[in-house]
Amino acid sequence: MAKTHNTGTTAEGGAQGGGHGTVFPPMDPTTFASQILWLALTFGALYMIMSRISLPRIGEVVEERAERIQRDLDEAERMKTETEVALADYERSLAEAKSKANGIAAQERARVKEDTDRARAQADEQDAKTMSDAEARIAKSKTAALASVNEIAAETAGSVIDKLIGSKASPDEIKQALASLAK
């Protein structure tokens, strides 16, 4: 029994099922002209849409973005300059403040030294006055003591003479005798 082989074609000439009898439509040489025509029309329409609508919008976005970036860079540069100026002003103010503080400190040191010197001079003056007063009191006490030494010596000499001789000498005689010895 012989088998019949079905080619899979129909009466209209089209392929039926999964047969291999016809050419792939894009590769069919009979449709090349129409395919090229539709390709040119589609490409032209796409080119027109892209060049007239999409690309200008994209260009505007890119240009606006570049301008924004440039504005931001300019603003950053301006702020950097302002910061540098502010920093220089701050450093100048700080240097002036330090200078003023050093000047005030020097004035205060001078004032304190002057006050201390004045207080020391007053204390030295007070000490000198106290010393001279004490020396005067000592001299007075010494003079008084020396004056009473003669009296004590006269009394003592009178007592000694009285004990030794048994007679009492007058105070004037004793003072004369002591005065002659002191010379």
Protein backbone atom coordinates (compact mmCIF):
# COMPACT_ATOMS: atom_id res chain seq x y z
CA MET A 1 0.00 0.00 0.00
CA ALA A 2 1.32 3.15 -1.09
CA LYS A 3 1.07 6.20 0.94
CA THR A 4 0.00 9.48 -0.56
CA HIS A 5 1.88 12.57 0.31
CA ASN A 6 -0.12 15.72 1.06
CA THR A 7 1.68 18.91 -0.01
CA GLY A 8 -0.51 21.05 2.17
CA THR A 9 -1.61 23.52 -0.48
CA THR A 10 -5.11 24.66 -1.19
CA ALA A 11 -6.78 25.57 -4.43
CA GLU A 12 -6.01 29.32 -3.89
CA GLY A 13 -2.28 28.64 -3.74
CA GLY A 14 -1.86 29.44 -0.06
CA ALA A 15 -0.15 27.38 2.51
CA GLN A 16 -2.16 25.24 4.75
CA GLY A 17 -1.04 24.17 8.11
CA GLY A 18 2.72 24.06 8.62
CA GLY A 19 3.81 23.35 5.04
CA HIS A 20 6.93 24.68 3.40
CA GLY A 21 5.65 25.42 -0.01
CA THR A 22 5.44 29.26 0.12
CA VAL A 23 8.03 32.04 0.66
CA PHE A 24 8.22 34.13 3.84
CA PRO A 25 6.27 37.33 3.01
CA PRO A 26 8.97 39.92 3.85
CA MET A 27 11.34 37.96 1.64
CA ASP A 28 8.93 37.64 -1.22
CA PRO A 29 10.46 39.49 -4.23
CA THR A 30 7.04 40.38 -5.55
CA THR A 31 6.31 42.62 -2.48
CA PHE A 32 9.67 44.43 -2.31
CA ALA A 33 8.45 47.58 -4.01
CA SER A 34 5.47 48.05 -1.71
CA GLN A 35 7.59 47.23 1.35
CA ILE A 36 10.19 49.86 0.38
CA LEU A 37 7.41 52.39 -0.24
CA TRP A 38 5.88 51.75 3.20
CA LEU A 39 9.35 51.79 4.79
CA ALA A 40 10.08 55.21 3.24
CA LEU A 41 6.66 56.58 4.27
CA THR A 42 6.99 55.24 7.83
CA PHE A 43 10.57 56.43 8.15
CA GLY A 44 9.65 59.87 6.79
CA ALA A 45 6.68 60.17 9.18
CA LEU A 46 8.79 59.02 12.13
CA TYR A 47 11.55 61.44 11.09
CA MET A 48 9.07 64.31 10.88
CA ILE A 49 7.57 63.49 14.28
CA MET A 50 10.99 63.16 15.87
CA SER A 51 12.51 66.27 14.24
CA ARG A 52 9.49 68.55 14.73
CA ILE A 53 8.10 67.40 18.09
CA SER A 54 10.27 65.07 20.16
CA LEU A 55 13.80 66.29 19.44
CA PRO A 56 13.00 70.01 20.03
CA ARG A 57 11.41 69.11 23.36
CA ILE A 58 14.42 67.00 24.31
CA GLY A 59 16.72 69.82 23.14
CA GLU A 60 14.78 72.33 25.28
CA VAL A 61 15.05 70.05 28.31
CA VAL A 62 18.77 69.54 27.75
CA GLU A 63 19.33 73.28 27.20
CA GLU A 64 17.24 74.22 30.26
CA ARG A 65 19.12 71.68 32.32
CA ALA A 66 22.47 73.04 31.12
CA GLU A 67 21.29 76.58 31.98
CA ARG A 68 20.13 75.42 35.43
CA ILE A 69 23.48 73.71 36.02
CA GLN A 70 25.29 76.90 34.94
CA ARG A 71 23.05 79.02 37.22
CA ASP A 72 23.74 76.63 40.09
CA LEU A 73 27.49 76.80 39.41
CA ASP A 74 27.35 80.61 39.24
CA GLU A 75 25.35 80.70 42.49
CA ALA A 76 27.83 78.33 44.13
CA GLU A 77 30.72 80.52 42.97
CA ARG A 78 28.95 83.64 44.29
CA MET A 79 28.30 81.93 47.62
CA LYS A 80 31.91 80.76 47.78
CA THR A 81 33.08 84.33 47.20
CA GLU A 82 30.67 85.63 49.87
CA THR A 83 31.89 82.93 52.27
CA GLU A 84 35.51 83.86 51.63
CA VAL A 85 34.69 87.54 52.22
CA ALA A 86 32.77 86.68 55.40
CA LEU A 87 35.63 84.47 56.58
CA ALA A 88 38.15 87.24 55.91
CA ASP A 89 35.91 89.70 57.82
CA TYR A 90 35.59 87.22 60.66
CA GLU A 91 39.34 86.68 60.83
CA ARG A 92 39.94 90.45 60.71
CA SER A 93 37.36 90.99 63.49
CA LEU A 94 38.92 88.19 65.51
CA ALA A 95 42.38 89.73 65.10
CA GLU A 96 41.01 93.14 66.14
CA ALA A 97 39.28 91.60 69.15
CA LYS A 98 42.49 89.83 70.15
CA SER A 99 44.42 93.09 69.73
CA LYS A 100 41.87 94.97 71.83
CA ALA A 101 41.89 92.23 74.45
CA ASN A 102 45.69 92.32 74.59
CA GLY A 103 45.57 96.13 74.88
CA ILE A 104 42.97 95.96 77.65
CA ALA A 105 44.99 93.27 79.42
CA ALA A 106 48.15 95.41 79.16
CA GLN A 107 46.25 98.43 80.53
CA GLU A 108 44.86 96.36 83.37
CA ARG A 109 48.32 94.94 84.16
CA ALA A 110 49.73 98.49 84.18
CA ARG A 111 46.85 99.71 86.38
CA VAL A 112 47.23 96.77 88.77
CA LYS A 113 51.01 97.33 88.89
CA GLU A 114 50.45 101.01 89.57
CA ASP A 115 47.91 100.21 92.30
CA THR A 116 50.27 97.61 93.76
CA ASP A 117 53.21 100.03 93.67
CA ARG A 118 51.06 102.72 95.29
CA ALA A 119 49.87 100.28 97.97
CA ARG A 120 53.47 99.09 98.50
CA ALA A 121 54.65 102.72 98.82
CA GLN A 122 51.87 103.43 101.33
CA ALA A 123 52.77 100.26 103.24
CA ASP A 124 56.47 101.22 103.17
CA GLU A 125 55.57 104.73 104.34
CA GLN A 126 53.36 103.30 107.08
CA ASP A 127 56.13 100.88 108.08
CA ALA A 128 58.67 103.74 108.15
CA LYS A 129 56.32 105.84 110.28
CA THR A 130 55.67 102.91 112.62
CA MET A 131 59.41 102.24 112.77
CA SER A 132 60.24 105.88 113.56
CA ASP A 133 57.48 105.95 116.20
CA ALA A 134 58.86 102.75 117.72
CA GLU A 135 62.42 104.13 117.63
CA ALA A 136 61.18 107.31 119.30
CA ARG A 137 59.43 105.28 122.02
CA ILE A 138 62.54 103.16 122.47
CA ALA A 139 64.72 106.28 122.72
CA LYS A 140 62.26 107.80 125.18
CA SER A 141 62.20 104.56 127.18
CA LYS A 142 66.01 104.42 127.03
CA THR A 143 66.29 108.02 128.20
CA ALA A 144 63.79 107.35 130.96
CA ALA A 145 65.62 104.15 131.87
CA LEU A 146 68.98 105.95 131.91
CA ALA A 147 67.52 108.70 134.03
CA SER A 148 66.15 106.20 136.48
CA VAL A 149 69.45 104.28 136.39
CA ASN A 150 71.12 107.25 138.06
CA GLU A 151 68.43 107.33 140.72
CA ILE A 152 68.60 103.56 141.18
CA ALA A 153 72.39 103.73 141.29
CA ALA A 154 72.19 106.57 143.84
CA GLU A 155 69.79 104.58 146.00
CA THR A 156 71.84 101.44 145.64
CA ALA A 157 75.06 103.33 146.43
CA GLY A 158 73.37 104.91 149.44
CA SER A 159 72.28 101.49 150.73
CA VAL A 160 75.73 100.02 150.13
CA ILE A 161 77.43 102.93 151.89
CA ASP A 162 75.00 102.65 154.73
CA LYS A 163 75.72 98.95 155.14
CA LEU A 164 79.44 99.32 154.70
CA ILE A 165 80.10 102.37 156.76
CA GLY A 166 77.06 102.35 158.87
CA SER A 167 76.26 106.01 158.16
CA LYS A 168 73.91 107.36 155.66
CA ALA A 169 75.13 109.60 152.78
CA SER A 170 72.94 112.37 151.39
CA PRO A 171 71.41 111.87 147.95
CA ASP A 172 73.14 114.99 146.60
CA GLU A 173 76.57 113.73 147.63
CA ILE A 174 75.93 110.39 145.97
CA LYS A 175 74.76 112.10 142.72
CA GLN A 176 77.91 114.26 142.67
CA ALA A 177 80.10 111.25 143.17
CA LEU A 178 78.34 109.31 140.37
CA ALA A 179 78.52 112.31 138.05
CA SER A 180 82.27 112.59 138.60
CA LEU A 181 82.63 108.89 137.71
CA ALA A 182 80.54 109.20 134.52
CA LYS A 183 82.85 111.91 133.16
